[in-house]
Amino acid sequence: MILGTVKGTVYSTRKMEQLVGYKFLLVEPMYGSKKELIVAGDRLGAGIGELVMVTTDETVQHGLDAPAPMDAFIVGIVDQPPAIGK
């Protein structure tokens, strides 16, 4: 599970049938030394600037209604950031 901030939206005028209905967002992981952006599918309605929980790899398929070619998926919108070091 990855905590990250939504930085933007990926727009696609054409995509595979299995991906129709999903919004794709650019998510910057909160932790780690390498700050890469992840493209994650979303059905929760997350917006830019929100802190989200992202699942990756084979666990993604458990969160989908039907199998789809996706390797990152937003499974939660965080209401309150974690208190680190307290």
PDB file of N, CA and C in Angstrom:
ATOM      1  N   MET A   1       0.852  -1.166   0.000  1.00  0.00           N
ATOM      2  CA  MET A   1       0.000   0.000   0.000  1.00  0.00           C
ATOM      3  C   MET A   1       0.902   1.234   0.000  1.00  0.00           C
ATOM      4  N   ILE A   2       0.540   2.204  -0.794  1.00  0.00           N
ATOM      5  CA  ILE A   2       1.313   3.437  -0.926  1.00  0.00           C
ATOM      6  C   ILE A   2       0.416   4.614  -0.552  1.00  0.00           C
ATOM      7  N   LEU A   3       0.950   5.545   0.248  1.00  0.00           N
ATOM      8  CA  LEU A   3       0.273   6.818   0.494  1.00  0.00           C
ATOM      9  C   LEU A   3       0.865   7.825  -0.468  1.00  0.00           C
ATOM     10  N   GLY A   4       0.013   8.601  -1.128  1.00  0.00           N
ATOM     11  CA  GLY A   4       0.524   9.583  -2.067  1.00  0.00           C
ATOM     12  C   GLY A   4      -0.466  10.706  -2.297  1.00  0.00           C
ATOM     13  N   THR A   5       0.035  11.768  -2.909  1.00  0.00           N
ATOM     14  CA  THR A   5      -0.773  12.946  -3.201  1.00  0.00           C
ATOM     15  C   THR A   5      -1.098  12.981  -4.687  1.00  0.00           C
ATOM     16  N   VAL A   6      -2.353  13.230  -5.014  1.00  0.00           N
ATOM     17  CA  VAL A   6      -2.774  13.338  -6.414  1.00  0.00           C
ATOM     18  C   VAL A   6      -2.227  14.647  -6.980  1.00  0.00           C
ATOM     19  N   LYS A   7      -1.473  14.541  -8.072  1.00  0.00           N
ATOM     20  CA  LYS A   7      -0.830  15.698  -8.692  1.00  0.00           C
ATOM     21  C   LYS A   7      -1.475  16.120 -10.000  1.00  0.00           C
ATOM     22  N   GLY A   8      -2.235  15.239 -10.627  1.00  0.00           N
ATOM     23  CA  GLY A   8      -2.845  15.585 -11.908  1.00  0.00           C
ATOM     24  C   GLY A   8      -3.689  14.459 -12.458  1.00  0.00           C
ATOM     25  N   THR A   9      -4.244  14.703 -13.636  1.00  0.00           N
ATOM     26  CA  THR A   9      -5.114  13.750 -14.305  1.00  0.00           C
ATOM     27  C   THR A   9      -4.502  13.340 -15.635  1.00  0.00           C
ATOM     28  N   VAL A  10      -4.649  12.075 -15.987  1.00  0.00           N
ATOM     29  CA  VAL A  10      -4.220  11.579 -17.297  1.00  0.00           C
ATOM     30  C   VAL A  10      -5.465  11.481 -18.165  1.00  0.00           C
ATOM     31  N   TYR A  11      -5.450  12.166 -19.300  1.00  0.00           N
ATOM     32  CA  TYR A  11      -6.592  12.149 -20.215  1.00  0.00           C
ATOM     33  C   TYR A  11      -6.300  11.205 -21.372  1.00  0.00           C
ATOM     34  N   SER A  12      -7.271  10.375 -21.717  1.00  0.00           N
ATOM     35  CA  SER A  12      -7.125   9.423 -22.812  1.00  0.00           C
ATOM     36  C   SER A  12      -8.437   9.380 -23.595  1.00  0.00           C
ATOM     37  N   THR A  13      -8.376   9.774 -24.855  1.00  0.00           N
ATOM     38  CA  THR A  13      -9.593   9.758 -25.663  1.00  0.00           C
ATOM     39  C   THR A  13      -9.936   8.348 -26.132  1.00  0.00           C
ATOM     40  N   ARG A  14      -8.930   7.483 -26.190  1.00  0.00           N
ATOM     41  CA  ARG A  14      -9.161   6.093 -26.581  1.00  0.00           C
ATOM     42  C   ARG A  14      -8.463   5.188 -25.588  1.00  0.00           C
ATOM     43  N   LYS A  15      -9.173   4.160 -25.134  1.00  0.00           N
ATOM     44  CA  LYS A  15      -8.565   3.183 -24.239  1.00  0.00           C
ATOM     45  C   LYS A  15      -9.284   1.849 -24.371  1.00  0.00           C
ATOM     46  N   MET A  16      -8.661   0.819 -23.845  1.00  0.00           N
ATOM     47  CA  MET A  16      -9.234  -0.517 -23.920  1.00  0.00           C
ATOM     48  C   MET A  16     -10.591  -0.546 -23.233  1.00  0.00           C
ATOM     49  N   GLU A  17     -11.459  -1.410 -23.711  1.00  0.00           N
ATOM     50  CA  GLU A  17     -12.816  -1.531 -23.177  1.00  0.00           C
ATOM     51  C   GLU A  17     -12.820  -1.796 -21.670  1.00  0.00           C
ATOM     52  N   GLN A  18     -11.857  -2.583 -21.183  1.00  0.00           N
ATOM     53  CA  GLN A  18     -11.793  -2.914 -19.760  1.00  0.00           C
ATOM     54  C   GLN A  18     -11.480  -1.692 -18.891  1.00  0.00           C
ATOM     55  N   LEU A  19     -10.961  -0.617 -19.489  1.00  0.00           N
ATOM     56  CA  LEU A  19     -10.576   0.575 -18.734  1.00  0.00           C
ATOM     57  C   LEU A  19     -11.624   1.682 -18.777  1.00  0.00           C
ATOM     58  N   VAL A  20     -12.678   1.489 -19.557  1.00  0.00           N
ATOM     59  CA  VAL A  20     -13.742   2.488 -19.642  1.00  0.00           C
ATOM     60  C   VAL A  20     -14.423   2.598 -18.279  1.00  0.00           C
ATOM     61  N   GLY A  21     -14.638   3.810 -17.810  1.00  0.00           N
ATOM     62  CA  GLY A  21     -15.268   4.040 -16.516  1.00  0.00           C
ATOM     63  C   GLY A  21     -14.287   4.375 -15.417  1.00  0.00           C
ATOM     64  N   TYR A  22     -12.995   4.168 -15.690  1.00  0.00           N
ATOM     65  CA  TYR A  22     -11.971   4.515 -14.712  1.00  0.00           C
ATOM     66  C   TYR A  22     -11.353   5.862 -15.061  1.00  0.00           C
ATOM     67  N   LYS A  23     -11.123   6.693 -14.033  1.00  0.00           N
ATOM     68  CA  LYS A  23     -10.369   7.923 -14.204  1.00  0.00           C
ATOM     69  C   LYS A  23      -8.930   7.568 -13.847  1.00  0.00           C
ATOM     70  N   PHE A  24      -7.959   8.157 -14.532  1.00  0.00           N
ATOM     71  CA  PHE A  24      -6.559   7.881 -14.231  1.00  0.00           C
ATOM     72  C   PHE A  24      -5.892   9.140 -13.703  1.00  0.00           C
ATOM     73  N   LEU A  25      -5.228   8.984 -12.551  1.00  0.00           N
ATOM     74  CA  LEU A  25      -4.621  10.107 -11.864  1.00  0.00           C
ATOM     75  C   LEU A  25      -3.124   9.901 -11.686  1.00  0.00           C
ATOM     76  N   LEU A  26      -2.382  11.006 -11.678  1.00  0.00           N
ATOM     77  CA  LEU A  26      -0.954  10.977 -11.373  1.00  0.00           C
ATOM     78  C   LEU A  26      -0.806  11.138  -9.866  1.00  0.00           C
ATOM     79  N   VAL A  27      -0.147  10.178  -9.222  1.00  0.00           N
ATOM     80  CA  VAL A  27       0.019  10.185  -7.775  1.00  0.00           C
ATOM     81  C   VAL A  27       1.507  10.210  -7.444  1.00  0.00           C
ATOM     82  N   GLU A  28       1.891  11.151  -6.563  1.00  0.00           N
ATOM     83  CA  GLU A  28       3.276  11.225  -6.087  1.00  0.00           C
ATOM     84  C   GLU A  28       3.346  10.556  -4.721  1.00  0.00           C
ATOM     85  N   PRO A  29       4.141   9.470  -4.590  1.00  0.00           N
ATOM     86  CA  PRO A  29       4.253   8.787  -3.303  1.00  0.00           C
ATOM     87  C   PRO A  29       4.764   9.723  -2.208  1.00  0.00           C
ATOM     88  N   MET A  30       4.239   9.538  -0.998  1.00  0.00           N
ATOM     89  CA  MET A  30       4.605  10.377   0.136  1.00  0.00           C
ATOM     90  C   MET A  30       5.956   9.982   0.721  1.00  0.00           C
ATOM     91  N   TYR A  31       6.303   8.701   0.653  1.00  0.00           N
ATOM     92  CA  TYR A  31       7.525   8.196   1.267  1.00  0.00           C
ATOM     93  C   TYR A  31       8.483   7.673   0.213  1.00  0.00           C
ATOM     94  N   GLY A  32       9.730   7.510   0.625  1.00  0.00           N
ATOM     95  CA  GLY A  32      10.742   6.969  -0.255  1.00  0.00           C
ATOM     96  C   GLY A  32      11.666   8.073  -0.752  1.00  0.00           C
ATOM     97  N   SER A  33      12.845   7.661  -1.136  1.00  0.00           N
ATOM     98  CA  SER A  33      13.825   8.644  -1.583  1.00  0.00           C
ATOM     99  C   SER A  33      13.615   9.052  -3.039  1.00  0.00           C
ATOM    100  N   LYS A  34      12.990   8.187  -3.800  1.00  0.00           N
ATOM    101  CA  LYS A  34      12.758   8.466  -5.223  1.00  0.00           C
ATOM    102  C   LYS A  34      11.320   8.912  -5.418  1.00  0.00           C
ATOM    103  N   LYS A  35      11.117  10.140  -5.829  1.00  0.00           N
ATOM    104  CA  LYS A  35       9.770  10.700  -5.992  1.00  0.00           C
ATOM    105  C   LYS A  35       9.308  10.534  -7.445  1.00  0.00           C
ATOM    106  N   GLU A  36       8.845   9.350  -7.779  1.00  0.00           N
ATOM    107  CA  GLU A  36       8.290   9.088  -9.101  1.00  0.00           C
ATOM    108  C   GLU A  36       6.783   9.292  -9.060  1.00  0.00           C
ATOM    109  N   LEU A  37       6.209   9.608 -10.204  1.00  0.00           N
ATOM    110  CA  LEU A  37       4.755   9.684 -10.300  1.00  0.00           C
ATOM    111  C   LEU A  37       4.215   8.328 -10.731  1.00  0.00           C
ATOM    112  N   ILE A  38       3.094   7.940 -10.147  1.00  0.00           N
ATOM    113  CA  ILE A  38       2.425   6.690 -10.474  1.00  0.00           C
ATOM    114  C   ILE A  38       1.116   7.041 -11.168  1.00  0.00           C
ATOM    115  N   VAL A  39       0.774   6.307 -12.223  1.00  0.00           N
ATOM    116  CA  VAL A  39      -0.548   6.451 -12.840  1.00  0.00           C
ATOM    117  C   VAL A  39      -1.437   5.408 -12.188  1.00  0.00           C
ATOM    118  N   ALA A  40      -2.489   5.863 -11.520  1.00  0.00           N
ATOM    119  CA  ALA A  40      -3.369   4.949 -10.787  1.00  0.00           C
ATOM    120  C   ALA A  40      -4.817   5.131 -11.232  1.00  0.00           C
ATOM    121  N   GLY A  41      -5.518   4.030 -11.395  1.00  0.00           N
ATOM    122  CA  GLY A  41      -6.936   4.074 -11.714  1.00  0.00           C
ATOM    123  C   GLY A  41      -7.732   4.518 -10.495  1.00  0.00           C
ATOM    124  N   ASP A  42      -8.861   5.188 -10.736  1.00  0.00           N
ATOM    125  CA  ASP A  42      -9.667   5.704  -9.636  1.00  0.00           C
ATOM    126  C   ASP A  42     -11.144   5.576  -9.965  1.00  0.00           C
ATOM    127  N   ARG A  43     -11.923   5.139  -8.978  1.00  0.00           N
ATOM    128  CA  ARG A  43     -13.385   5.134  -9.079  1.00  0.00           C
ATOM    129  C   ARG A  43     -14.016   5.800  -7.864  1.00  0.00           C
ATOM    130  N   LEU A  44     -13.169   6.342  -6.973  1.00  0.00           N
ATOM    131  CA  LEU A  44     -13.670   6.950  -5.747  1.00  0.00           C
ATOM    132  C   LEU A  44     -13.932   8.449  -5.892  1.00  0.00           C
ATOM    133  N   GLY A  45     -13.378   9.053  -6.935  1.00  0.00           N
ATOM    134  CA  GLY A  45     -13.569  10.485  -7.136  1.00  0.00           C
ATOM    135  C   GLY A  45     -12.506  11.333  -6.473  1.00  0.00           C
ATOM    136  N   ALA A  46     -11.300  10.812  -6.332  1.00  0.00           N
ATOM    137  CA  ALA A  46     -10.202  11.584  -5.742  1.00  0.00           C
ATOM    138  C   ALA A  46      -9.878  12.780  -6.636  1.00  0.00           C
ATOM    139  N   GLY A  47      -9.416  13.848  -5.994  1.00  0.00           N
ATOM    140  CA  GLY A  47      -9.094  15.060  -6.738  1.00  0.00           C
ATOM    141  C   GLY A  47      -7.668  15.505  -6.494  1.00  0.00           C
ATOM    142  N   ILE A  48      -7.227  16.464  -7.281  1.00  0.00           N
ATOM    143  CA  ILE A  48      -5.872  16.987  -7.179  1.00  0.00           C
ATOM    144  C   ILE A  48      -5.655  17.560  -5.775  1.00  0.00           C
ATOM    145  N   GLY A  49      -4.516  17.199  -5.184  1.00  0.00           N
ATOM    146  CA  GLY A  49      -4.152  17.667  -3.856  1.00  0.00           C
ATOM    147  C   GLY A  49      -4.566  16.733  -2.734  1.00  0.00           C
ATOM    148  N   GLU A  50      -5.408  15.753  -3.020  1.00  0.00           N
ATOM    149  CA  GLU A  50      -5.860  14.836  -1.967  1.00  0.00           C
ATOM    150  C   GLU A  50      -4.832  13.749  -1.708  1.00  0.00           C
ATOM    151  N   LEU A  51      -4.770  13.316  -0.449  1.00  0.00           N
ATOM    152  CA  LEU A  51      -3.920  12.212  -0.042  1.00  0.00           C
ATOM    153  C   LEU A  51      -4.716  10.922  -0.240  1.00  0.00           C
ATOM    154  N   VAL A  52      -4.125   9.969  -0.957  1.00  0.00           N
ATOM    155  CA  VAL A  52      -4.835   8.735  -1.293  1.00  0.00           C
ATOM    156  C   VAL A  52      -4.003   7.506  -0.927  1.00  0.00           C
ATOM    157  N   MET A  53      -4.697   6.368  -0.796  1.00  0.00           N
ATOM    158  CA  MET A  53      -4.050   5.075  -0.608  1.00  0.00           C
ATOM    159  C   MET A  53      -4.102   4.345  -1.948  1.00  0.00           C
ATOM    160  N   VAL A  54      -2.949   3.858  -2.371  1.00  0.00           N
ATOM    161  CA  VAL A  54      -2.844   3.177  -3.661  1.00  0.00           C
ATOM    162  C   VAL A  54      -2.350   1.760  -3.435  1.00  0.00           C
ATOM    163  N   THR A  55      -3.022   0.803  -4.042  1.00  0.00           N
ATOM    164  CA  THR A  55      -2.536  -0.573  -4.028  1.00  0.00           C
ATOM    165  C   THR A  55      -1.895  -0.840  -5.385  1.00  0.00           C
ATOM    166  N   THR A  56      -0.913  -1.719  -5.393  1.00  0.00           N
ATOM    167  CA  THR A  56      -0.164  -1.973  -6.627  1.00  0.00           C
ATOM    168  C   THR A  56      -0.011  -3.470  -6.883  1.00  0.00           C
ATOM    169  N   ASP A  57       0.479  -3.760  -8.066  1.00  0.00           N
ATOM    170  CA  ASP A  57       0.805  -5.120  -8.486  1.00  0.00           C
ATOM    171  C   ASP A  57      -0.412  -6.041  -8.509  1.00  0.00           C
ATOM    172  N   GLU A  58      -0.260  -7.289  -8.039  1.00  0.00           N
ATOM    173  CA  GLU A  58      -1.345  -8.271  -8.173  1.00  0.00           C
ATOM    174  C   GLU A  58      -2.540  -7.966  -7.274  1.00  0.00           C
ATOM    175  N   THR A  59      -2.372  -7.169  -6.243  1.00  0.00           N
ATOM    176  CA  THR A  59      -3.487  -6.844  -5.350  1.00  0.00           C
ATOM    177  C   THR A  59      -4.502  -5.915  -6.017  1.00  0.00           C
ATOM    178  N   VAL A  60      -4.124  -5.249  -7.078  1.00  0.00           N
ATOM    179  CA  VAL A  60      -5.036  -4.344  -7.790  1.00  0.00           C
ATOM    180  C   VAL A  60      -6.284  -5.091  -8.249  1.00  0.00           C
ATOM    181  N   GLN A  61      -6.117  -6.272  -8.771  1.00  0.00           N
ATOM    182  CA  GLN A  61      -7.234  -7.028  -9.343  1.00  0.00           C
ATOM    183  C   GLN A  61      -8.319  -7.337  -8.310  1.00  0.00           C
ATOM    184  N   HIS A  62      -7.961  -7.362  -7.025  1.00  0.00           N
ATOM    185  CA  HIS A  62      -8.957  -7.599  -5.969  1.00  0.00           C
ATOM    186  C   HIS A  62      -9.884  -6.401  -5.781  1.00  0.00           C
ATOM    187  N   GLY A  63      -9.429  -5.218  -6.167  1.00  0.00           N
ATOM    188  CA  GLY A  63     -10.233  -4.016  -6.007  1.00  0.00           C
ATOM    189  C   GLY A  63     -11.098  -3.677  -7.203  1.00  0.00           C
ATOM    190  N   LEU A  64     -10.939  -4.419  -8.289  1.00  0.00           N
ATOM    191  CA  LEU A  64     -11.670  -4.134  -9.522  1.00  0.00           C
ATOM    192  C   LEU A  64     -12.914  -5.000  -9.642  1.00  0.00           C
ATOM    193  N   ASP A  65     -13.909  -4.485 -10.349  1.00  0.00           N
ATOM    194  CA  ASP A  65     -15.135  -5.259 -10.590  1.00  0.00           C
ATOM    195  C   ASP A  65     -14.884  -6.418 -11.542  1.00  0.00           C
ATOM    196  N   ALA A  66     -14.006  -6.186 -12.515  1.00  0.00           N
ATOM    197  CA  ALA A  66     -13.654  -7.205 -13.507  1.00  0.00           C
ATOM    198  C   ALA A  66     -12.172  -7.039 -13.835  1.00  0.00           C
ATOM    199  N   PRO A  67     -11.501  -8.109 -14.259  1.00  0.00           N
ATOM    200  CA  PRO A  67     -10.079  -7.997 -14.585  1.00  0.00           C
ATOM    201  C   PRO A  67      -9.817  -6.892 -15.612  1.00  0.00           C
ATOM    202  N   ALA A  68      -8.746  -6.130 -15.367  1.00  0.00           N
ATOM    203  CA  ALA A  68      -8.367  -5.045 -16.268  1.00  0.00           C
ATOM    204  C   ALA A  68      -6.850  -4.906 -16.241  1.00  0.00           C
ATOM    205  N   PRO A  69      -6.262  -4.443 -17.353  1.00  0.00           N
ATOM    206  CA  PRO A  69      -4.800  -4.278 -17.410  1.00  0.00           C
ATOM    207  C   PRO A  69      -4.363  -3.026 -16.647  1.00  0.00           C
ATOM    208  N   MET A  70      -4.283  -3.144 -15.328  1.00  0.00           N
ATOM    209  CA  MET A  70      -3.964  -2.007 -14.469  1.00  0.00           C
ATOM    210  C   MET A  70      -3.033  -2.489 -13.358  1.00  0.00           C
ATOM    211  N   ASP A  71      -1.993  -1.713 -13.033  1.00  0.00           N
ATOM    212  CA  ASP A  71      -1.089  -2.143 -11.970  1.00  0.00           C
ATOM    213  C   ASP A  71      -1.029  -1.188 -10.784  1.00  0.00           C
ATOM    214  N   ALA A  72      -1.897  -0.174 -10.753  1.00  0.00           N
ATOM    215  CA  ALA A  72      -2.024   0.705  -9.585  1.00  0.00           C
ATOM    216  C   ALA A  72      -3.472   1.193  -9.523  1.00  0.00           C
ATOM    217  N   PHE A  73      -4.050   1.170  -8.311  1.00  0.00           N
ATOM    218  CA  PHE A  73      -5.457   1.505  -8.160  1.00  0.00           C
ATOM    219  C   PHE A  73      -5.676   2.221  -6.828  1.00  0.00           C
ATOM    220  N   ILE A  74      -6.416   3.317  -6.843  1.00  0.00           N
ATOM    221  CA  ILE A  74      -6.710   4.071  -5.629  1.00  0.00           C
ATOM    222  C   ILE A  74      -7.828   3.354  -4.874  1.00  0.00           C
ATOM    223  N   VAL A  75      -7.524   2.972  -3.624  1.00  0.00           N
ATOM    224  CA  VAL A  75      -8.493   2.229  -2.814  1.00  0.00           C
ATOM    225  C   VAL A  75      -9.008   3.031  -1.635  1.00  0.00           C
ATOM    226  N   GLY A  76      -8.507   4.249  -1.441  1.00  0.00           N
ATOM    227  CA  GLY A  76      -8.984   5.067  -0.335  1.00  0.00           C
ATOM    228  C   GLY A  76      -8.535   6.513  -0.455  1.00  0.00           C
ATOM    229  N   ILE A  77      -9.372   7.412   0.064  1.00  0.00           N
ATOM    230  CA  ILE A  77      -9.020   8.829   0.179  1.00  0.00           C
ATOM    231  C   ILE A  77      -8.834   9.085   1.668  1.00  0.00           C
ATOM    232  N   VAL A  78      -7.663   9.595   2.036  1.00  0.00           N
ATOM    233  CA  VAL A  78      -7.300   9.776   3.440  1.00  0.00           C
ATOM    234  C   VAL A  78      -7.922  11.062   3.973  1.00  0.00           C
ATOM    235  N   ASP A  79      -8.657  10.949   5.096  1.00  0.00           N
ATOM    236  CA  ASP A  79      -9.286  12.108   5.724  1.00  0.00           C
ATOM    237  C   ASP A  79      -8.302  12.943   6.522  1.00  0.00           C
ATOM    238  N   GLN A  80      -7.355  12.269   7.183  1.00  0.00           N
ATOM    239  CA  GLN A  80      -6.400  12.964   8.025  1.00  0.00           C
ATOM    240  C   GLN A  80      -5.014  12.351   7.807  1.00  0.00           C
ATOM    241  N   PRO A  81      -4.019  13.175   7.459  1.00  0.00           N
ATOM    242  CA  PRO A  81      -2.668  12.638   7.242  1.00  0.00           C
ATOM    243  C   PRO A  81      -2.124  11.971   8.509  1.00  0.00           C
ATOM    244  N   PRO A  82      -1.245  10.987   8.337  1.00  0.00           N
ATOM    245  CA  PRO A  82      -0.695  10.304   9.503  1.00  0.00           C
ATOM    246  C   PRO A  82       0.218  11.232  10.300  1.00  0.00           C
ATOM    247  N   ALA A  83       0.228  11.059  11.623  1.00  0.00           N
ATOM    248  CA  ALA A  83       1.133  11.810  12.497  1.00  0.00           C
ATOM    249  C   ALA A  83       2.439  11.044  12.560  1.00  0.00           C
ATOM    250  N   ILE A  84       3.457  11.595  11.955  1.00  0.00           N
ATOM    251  CA  ILE A  84       4.748  10.909  11.896  1.00  0.00           C
ATOM    252  C   ILE A  84       5.691  11.513  12.926  1.00  0.00           C
ATOM    253  N   GLY A  85       6.319  10.653  13.704  1.00  0.00           N
ATOM    254  CA  GLY A  85       7.292  11.101  14.698  1.00  0.00           C
ATOM    255  C   GLY A  85       6.677  11.619  15.979  1.00  0.00           C
ATOM    256  N   LYS A  86       5.394  11.344  16.222  1.00  0.00           N
ATOM    257  CA  LYS A  86       4.755  11.806  17.468  1.00  0.00           C
ATOM    258  C   LYS A  86       4.495  10.648  18.377  1.00  0.00           C
TER     259      LYS A  86
END
